[in-house]
């Protein structure tokens, strides 16, 4: 996430409201890493929400709207 992204803030609020534990990685001071992750996952915006499948495996859920759909169906 980035601090100025309104959808990042909303995503955090949604997860808190659902009592879902989550980790936040801030890219405010890491623009190169953010660019690389966007390229790897072919994703252009933040937030980028991932589901942890196990200790070493993650699945990209998507952005804020995708998170809302995910939460609605889980």
Protein backbone atom coordinates (compact mmCIF):
# COMPACT_ATOMS: atom_id res chain seq x y z
CA UNK A 1 0.00 0.00 0.00
CA UNK A 2 0.89 3.65 -0.09
CA UNK A 3 -0.15 6.18 2.53
CA UNK A 4 -1.93 8.51 0.12
CA UNK A 5 -3.96 5.82 -1.63
CA UNK A 6 -7.62 6.13 -0.53
CA UNK A 7 -8.41 2.60 -1.68
CA UNK A 8 -5.52 1.22 0.39
CA UNK A 9 -7.00 2.90 3.46
CA UNK A 10 -10.46 1.54 2.63
CA UNK A 11 -9.05 -1.98 2.16
CA UNK A 12 -7.47 -1.86 5.62
CA UNK A 13 -10.76 -0.63 7.10
CA UNK A 14 -12.69 -3.48 5.47
CA UNK A 15 -10.28 -6.11 6.79
CA UNK A 16 -10.42 -4.60 10.29
CA UNK A 17 -14.22 -4.50 10.19
CA UNK A 18 -14.29 -8.21 9.32
CA UNK A 19 -11.73 -9.01 12.06
CA UNK A 20 -9.37 -10.49 9.49
CA UNK A 21 -5.70 -10.37 10.43
CA UNK A 22 -3.44 -8.91 7.79
CA UNK A 23 0.02 -7.52 7.18
CA UNK A 24 0.71 -4.25 5.44
CA UNK A 25 3.72 -3.58 3.28
CA UNK A 26 4.23 0.12 2.67
CA UNK A 27 5.84 1.08 -0.61
CA UNK A 28 6.08 4.81 0.06
CA UNK A 29 9.85 4.62 0.38
CA UNK A 30 10.28 1.63 -1.96
CA UNK A 31 9.09 2.74 -5.40
CA UNK A 32 11.46 0.40 -7.26
CA UNK A 33 10.16 -2.64 -5.38
CA UNK A 34 6.56 -1.55 -5.98
CA UNK A 35 7.29 -1.23 -9.70
CA UNK A 36 8.84 -4.71 -9.78
CA UNK A 37 5.91 -6.31 -7.97
CA UNK A 38 3.43 -4.58 -10.28
CA UNK A 39 5.35 -5.99 -13.26
CA UNK A 40 5.59 -9.49 -11.80
CA UNK A 41 1.84 -9.67 -11.14
CA UNK A 42 0.85 -7.55 -14.17
CA UNK A 43 -1.05 -5.24 -11.81
CA UNK A 44 -1.06 -1.46 -12.27
CA UNK A 45 -2.57 -0.08 -9.06
CA UNK A 46 -2.46 -0.28 -5.27
CA UNK A 47 -3.65 -1.79 -3.11
CA UNK A 48 -2.52 -5.20 -4.16
CA UNK A 49 -4.25 -7.65 -1.86
CA UNK A 50 -2.86 -11.15 -1.46
CA UNK A 51 -4.30 -14.21 0.23
CA UNK A 52 -1.78 -16.29 2.13
CA UNK A 53 -2.29 -19.92 1.16
CA UNK A 54 0.57 -21.22 3.31
CA UNK A 55 3.87 -19.92 4.69
CA UNK A 56 5.45 -19.62 1.26
CA UNK A 57 2.52 -19.28 -1.14
CA UNK A 58 0.37 -16.26 -1.87
CA UNK A 59 -2.42 -15.63 -4.36
CA UNK A 60 -3.22 -12.19 -5.74
CA UNK A 61 -6.80 -11.32 -4.84
CA UNK A 62 -6.58 -7.99 -6.67
CA UNK A 63 -7.36 -4.43 -5.68
CA UNK A 64 -9.98 -2.87 -3.44
CA UNK A 65 -13.03 -3.90 -5.49
CA UNK A 66 -11.65 -7.41 -5.84
CA UNK A 67 -11.19 -7.52 -2.06
CA UNK A 68 -14.84 -6.56 -1.54
CA UNK A 69 -15.96 -9.36 -3.88
CA UNK A 70 -13.62 -11.80 -2.14
CA UNK A 71 -14.96 -10.87 1.30
CA UNK A 72 -18.53 -11.17 0.06
CA UNK A 73 -17.95 -14.74 -1.11
CA UNK A 74 -15.89 -16.11 1.78
